Amino acid sequence: MIHDPTSNPDDADTANDGATEGEQTSDARPHRRIRSFVTRAGRVSTGQRRALDDFGPRFVVPYAPVPLDWDATFGRQAPRVLEIGFGMGATTAEIATARPSDDFLGVEVHEPGVGALLKLIGEQGLENIRIVQHDAVEVLEQMIAAESLDGVHIYFPDPWHKARHHKRRLIQPTFVALLISRLKPGGYLHLATDWQNYAEQMLEVLSAETALENTSSTGYAPRPDYRPVTKFERRGLKLGHGVWDLVFKRR
């Protein structure tokens, strides 16, 4: 799920606080597993609804607790890239256009974003994208076979900027270990964030994994050419916000 880096973080926190699925609000009650997303309301536009109806049956893969047959799903053998939280899908569509020989599975829970990406798929005639509208942790655990991915993209996940909420951040050691188990040897993990504190946490967590190797000798990587600058990122850069990319490979 991509957040707006120029929005008011306190407003966003008010909207998000307590919305994470599975988390209990009382310390006296046990905590269930935190999911990879925050439930937010969103209106599906007429165009998005039409795209859901017209293209959903072909490009949306229903969640099922069995490993995905990529070759059958895409109708070919090709490098496989998983994107977690694609937001409104513009970046996903641009990358898929620039890398037609690769297949992309996007995971997003929010219906307006799914509809928006389907609309782009239809308009641009993209054949190398499929979508799963479900929690990414369960998708990784159940639908992605071990050592089957050539790459993983996670761009601008929710930063949960307040210190007491850092435990809700997606990039934690347990989750990264799950990602590593799904990467082929030599497969890459590409993260991006516009929150320096989160970037530091990401770098610390990834660097602690002995199965991963940083592709950059300086810690943070230059933005790869295939990742476009989003409109929110461009606006943030104009306001002086930083953006940090991290690219690690499985040894």
Protein backbone atom coordinates (compact mmCIF):
# COMPACT_ATOMS: atom_id res chain seq x y z
CA MET A 1 0.00 0.00 0.00
CA ILE A 2 1.64 3.26 -1.10
CA HIS A 3 1.13 6.27 1.12
CA ASP A 4 1.20 9.94 0.15
CA PRO A 5 4.56 11.26 1.39
CA THR A 6 3.31 14.86 1.38
CA SER A 7 0.20 14.25 3.45
CA ASN A 8 0.00 15.36 7.05
CA PRO A 9 1.42 12.46 9.05
CA ASP A 10 -0.62 13.32 12.12
CA ASP A 11 -3.81 13.22 10.06
CA ALA A 12 -2.77 9.89 8.57
CA ASP A 13 -1.99 8.52 11.97
CA THR A 14 -5.42 9.50 13.23
CA ALA A 15 -6.97 7.66 10.33
CA ASN A 16 -4.78 4.60 10.77
CA ASP A 17 -4.58 4.32 14.52
CA GLY A 18 -6.26 1.15 15.69
CA ALA A 19 -7.24 0.09 12.19
CA THR A 20 -4.73 -2.69 11.73
CA GLU A 21 -6.54 -5.99 11.36
CA GLY A 22 -5.94 -8.53 14.06
CA GLU A 23 -4.42 -6.18 16.64
CA GLN A 24 -6.09 -5.93 20.05
CA THR A 25 -6.40 -2.55 21.73
CA SER A 26 -6.14 -3.82 25.28
CA ASP A 27 -2.76 -4.85 26.68
CA ALA A 28 -4.54 -7.48 28.74
CA ARG A 29 -5.71 -9.31 25.63
CA PRO A 30 -3.41 -11.40 23.41
CA HIS A 31 -2.14 -9.91 20.17
CA ARG A 32 -2.92 -11.79 17.00
CA ARG A 33 -0.66 -11.48 13.98
CA ILE A 34 -0.55 -8.02 12.46
CA ARG A 35 -1.46 -8.11 8.81
CA SER A 36 0.41 -6.35 6.03
CA PHE A 37 -2.25 -3.73 5.48
CA VAL A 38 -4.47 -1.18 7.17
CA THR A 39 -8.16 -1.17 6.32
CA ARG A 40 -9.14 2.18 4.81
CA ALA A 41 -12.35 3.20 3.16
CA GLY A 42 -12.16 4.20 -0.47
CA ARG A 43 -14.68 4.96 -3.17
CA VAL A 44 -14.46 2.97 -6.37
CA SER A 45 -14.91 5.27 -9.37
CA THR A 46 -17.10 4.43 -12.32
CA GLY A 47 -14.04 3.72 -14.47
CA GLN A 48 -12.48 1.52 -11.81
CA ARG A 49 -15.72 -0.42 -11.38
CA ARG A 50 -15.93 -0.97 -15.12
CA ALA A 51 -12.32 -2.18 -15.16
CA LEU A 52 -13.04 -4.55 -12.25
CA ASP A 53 -15.96 -5.99 -14.17
CA ASP A 54 -14.26 -6.12 -17.57
CA PHE A 55 -10.70 -7.16 -16.68
CA GLY A 56 -10.98 -8.61 -13.19
CA PRO A 57 -12.02 -12.09 -14.33
CA ARG A 58 -8.87 -12.39 -16.45
CA PHE A 59 -6.22 -10.53 -14.47
CA VAL A 60 -7.27 -10.98 -10.82
CA VAL A 61 -6.14 -14.30 -9.36
CA PRO A 62 -8.39 -15.48 -6.52
CA TYR A 63 -6.60 -16.12 -3.26
CA ALA A 64 -6.21 -19.82 -2.56
CA PRO A 65 -4.03 -21.57 0.03
CA VAL A 66 -2.11 -23.47 -2.65
CA PRO A 67 1.08 -22.53 -4.56
CA LEU A 68 0.41 -20.42 -7.64
CA ASP A 69 1.21 -22.03 -10.98
CA TRP A 70 2.96 -19.04 -12.57
CA ASP A 71 3.46 -20.65 -15.97
CA ALA A 72 -0.24 -21.50 -16.27
CA THR A 73 -1.33 -18.13 -14.85
CA PHE A 74 0.76 -16.09 -17.29
CA GLY A 75 0.84 -18.57 -20.14
CA ARG A 76 4.62 -18.63 -20.37
CA GLN A 77 7.87 -19.11 -18.48
CA ALA A 78 9.45 -15.83 -17.41
CA PRO A 79 11.21 -14.17 -14.45
CA ARG A 80 8.76 -13.68 -11.58
CA VAL A 81 8.47 -10.50 -9.54
CA LEU A 82 6.13 -9.95 -6.60
CA GLU A 83 5.02 -6.42 -5.70
CA ILE A 84 3.47 -5.86 -2.29
CA GLY A 85 1.11 -2.91 -1.89
CA PHE A 86 0.97 -1.31 -5.34
CA GLY A 87 -1.41 1.50 -4.34
CA MET A 88 -3.11 2.87 -7.45
CA GLY A 89 -0.86 0.81 -9.73
CA ALA A 90 0.80 3.49 -11.85
CA THR A 91 4.32 2.42 -10.88
CA THR A 92 3.48 -1.25 -11.43
CA ALA A 93 2.16 -0.52 -14.91
CA GLU A 94 5.23 1.54 -15.83
CA ILE A 95 7.64 -1.14 -14.66
CA ALA A 96 5.69 -3.88 -16.44
CA THR A 97 5.76 -1.81 -19.63
CA ALA A 98 9.52 -1.27 -19.34
CA ARG A 99 10.16 -4.96 -18.58
CA PRO A 100 7.87 -6.92 -20.90
CA SER A 101 9.93 -10.10 -20.53
CA ASP A 102 9.19 -10.28 -16.78
CA ASP A 103 5.92 -11.31 -15.08
CA PHE A 104 4.56 -9.27 -12.17
CA LEU A 105 2.17 -10.38 -9.45
CA GLY A 106 0.79 -7.39 -7.55
CA VAL A 107 -0.76 -7.83 -4.11
CA GLU A 108 -3.13 -5.12 -2.88
CA VAL A 109 -6.17 -5.26 -0.61
CA HIS A 110 -7.83 -1.97 -1.53
CA GLU A 111 -10.42 -2.24 -4.27
CA PRO A 112 -9.97 1.27 -5.76
CA GLY A 113 -6.28 0.48 -6.32
CA VAL A 114 -7.09 -2.88 -7.87
CA GLY A 115 -9.60 -1.18 -10.16
CA ALA A 116 -7.13 1.55 -11.07
CA LEU A 117 -4.43 -0.95 -12.06
CA LEU A 118 -6.92 -3.01 -14.04
CA LYS A 119 -7.92 0.15 -15.89
CA LEU A 120 -4.25 0.76 -16.80
CA ILE A 121 -3.87 -2.87 -17.87
CA GLY A 122 -6.84 -2.47 -20.19
CA GLU A 123 -5.78 0.88 -21.59
CA GLN A 124 -2.17 -0.17 -22.20
CA GLY A 125 -2.81 -3.77 -23.24
CA LEU A 126 -0.49 -5.16 -20.56
CA GLU A 127 -0.26 -8.94 -20.46
CA ASN A 128 2.46 -9.45 -17.85
CA ILE A 129 0.56 -8.39 -14.70
CA ARG A 130 -1.73 -10.37 -12.45
CA ILE A 131 -3.30 -9.23 -9.18
CA VAL A 132 -4.17 -10.92 -5.90
CA GLN A 133 -6.53 -8.89 -3.71
CA HIS A 134 -5.55 -10.30 -0.34
CA ASP A 135 -3.20 -9.91 2.63
CA ALA A 136 0.39 -10.17 1.42
CA VAL A 137 1.59 -12.24 4.38
CA GLU A 138 -0.94 -14.99 3.65
CA VAL A 139 -0.19 -14.79 -0.07
CA LEU A 140 3.52 -15.27 0.66
CA GLU A 141 2.90 -18.10 3.07
CA GLN A 142 0.35 -19.99 0.99
CA MET A 143 0.58 -19.00 -2.69
CA ILE A 144 4.30 -18.39 -3.26
CA ALA A 145 6.49 -21.47 -3.34
CA ALA A 146 9.92 -21.51 -1.71
CA GLU A 147 12.73 -20.14 -3.89
CA SER A 148 10.36 -19.25 -6.72
CA LEU A 149 10.73 -15.46 -7.03
CA ASP A 150 13.30 -13.52 -9.01
CA GLY A 151 12.43 -10.26 -7.28
CA VAL A 152 10.27 -8.51 -4.71
CA HIS A 153 9.23 -4.84 -4.82
CA ILE A 154 7.89 -2.96 -1.77
CA TYR A 155 7.59 0.76 -2.41
CA PHE A 156 6.59 3.35 0.21
CA PRO A 157 4.93 1.06 2.75
CA ASP A 158 3.07 2.75 5.58
CA PRO A 159 5.82 4.30 7.77
CA TRP A 160 3.88 4.24 11.06
CA HIS A 161 5.95 7.29 11.98
CA LYS A 162 5.18 7.43 15.72
CA ALA A 163 7.62 5.39 17.80
CA ARG A 164 4.88 3.51 19.61
CA HIS A 165 3.59 2.29 16.24
CA HIS A 166 6.90 1.10 14.80
CA LYS A 167 5.98 -2.48 15.68
CA ARG A 168 3.28 -2.24 12.99
CA ARG A 169 5.78 -1.59 10.21
CA LEU A 170 5.90 -4.26 7.54
CA ILE A 171 9.67 -4.55 7.35
CA GLN A 172 10.52 -6.61 10.43
CA PRO A 173 12.96 -9.54 10.79
CA THR A 174 10.27 -12.23 10.70
CA PHE A 175 8.67 -10.84 7.54
CA VAL A 176 12.02 -10.37 5.81
CA ALA A 177 12.92 -13.98 6.63
CA LEU A 178 9.70 -15.04 4.90
CA LEU A 179 10.59 -12.94 1.85
CA ILE A 180 14.07 -14.47 1.70
CA SER A 181 12.63 -17.98 1.77
CA ARG A 182 10.59 -17.17 -1.35
CA LEU A 183 13.48 -15.66 -3.31
CA LYS A 184 15.64 -17.73 -5.59
CA PRO A 185 19.38 -17.59 -4.89
CA GLY A 186 20.45 -14.40 -6.65
CA GLY A 187 16.93 -12.96 -6.45
CA TYR A 188 16.61 -9.34 -5.34
CA LEU A 189 14.60 -7.39 -2.76
CA HIS A 190 13.95 -3.74 -3.63
CA LEU A 191 12.49 -1.42 -0.99
CA ALA A 192 11.86 2.32 -1.12
CA THR A 193 10.69 4.77 1.52
CA ASP A 194 10.51 8.53 2.05
CA TRP A 195 10.85 8.30 5.85
CA GLN A 196 14.47 8.43 6.99
CA ASN A 197 13.78 6.62 10.25
CA TYR A 198 12.07 3.80 8.38
CA ALA A 199 14.92 3.70 5.86
CA GLU A 200 17.36 3.27 8.75
CA GLN A 201 15.25 0.46 10.19
CA MET A 202 15.02 -1.23 6.78
CA LEU A 203 18.79 -1.04 6.34
CA GLU A 204 19.38 -2.44 9.83
CA VAL A 205 16.94 -5.34 9.36
CA LEU A 206 18.20 -6.30 5.89
CA SER A 207 21.86 -5.96 6.85
CA ALA A 208 21.33 -8.33 9.79
CA GLU A 209 20.22 -11.11 7.44
CA THR A 210 23.23 -13.23 6.56
CA ALA A 211 21.35 -14.65 3.57
CA LEU A 212 21.21 -11.18 1.98
CA GLU A 213 23.92 -9.09 0.34
CA ASN A 214 23.64 -5.34 -0.14
CA THR A 215 24.15 -4.34 -3.78
CA SER A 216 25.38 -0.90 -2.65
CA SER A 217 28.66 -0.40 -0.82
CA THR A 218 27.30 2.81 0.68
CA GLY A 219 24.16 1.30 2.25
CA TYR A 220 21.40 2.93 0.25
CA ALA A 221 21.22 2.29 -3.47
CA PRO A 222 20.71 4.77 -6.31
CA ARG A 223 17.15 4.57 -7.61
CA PRO A 224 17.16 1.83 -10.27
CA ASP A 225 16.14 3.05 -13.71
CA TYR A 226 13.14 0.72 -13.77
CA ARG A 227 11.51 2.38 -10.73
CA PRO A 228 9.76 5.54 -11.94
CA VAL A 229 9.43 8.63 -9.78
CA THR A 230 5.81 8.81 -8.63
CA LYS A 231 3.84 12.07 -8.59
CA PHE A 232 3.78 11.99 -4.79
CA GLU A 233 7.51 11.37 -4.68
CA ARG A 234 8.18 14.17 -7.13
CA ARG A 235 6.07 16.54 -5.05
CA GLY A 236 7.86 15.42 -1.90
CA LEU A 237 11.28 15.95 -3.44
CA LYS A 238 10.27 19.51 -4.33
CA LEU A 239 9.42 20.02 -0.66
CA GLY A 240 12.83 18.74 0.36
CA HIS A 241 11.82 15.23 1.40
CA GLY A 242 14.38 12.49 0.93
CA VAL A 243 13.78 9.12 -0.72
CA TRP A 244 15.83 6.03 0.08
CA ASP A 245 16.10 2.89 -2.08
CA LEU A 246 17.52 -0.37 -0.79
CA VAL A 247 18.40 -3.24 -3.12
CA PHE A 248 19.61 -6.49 -1.57
CA LYS A 249 20.18 -9.87 -3.21
CA ARG A 250 19.84 -13.34 -1.77
CA ARG A 251 23.25 -14.96 -1.61
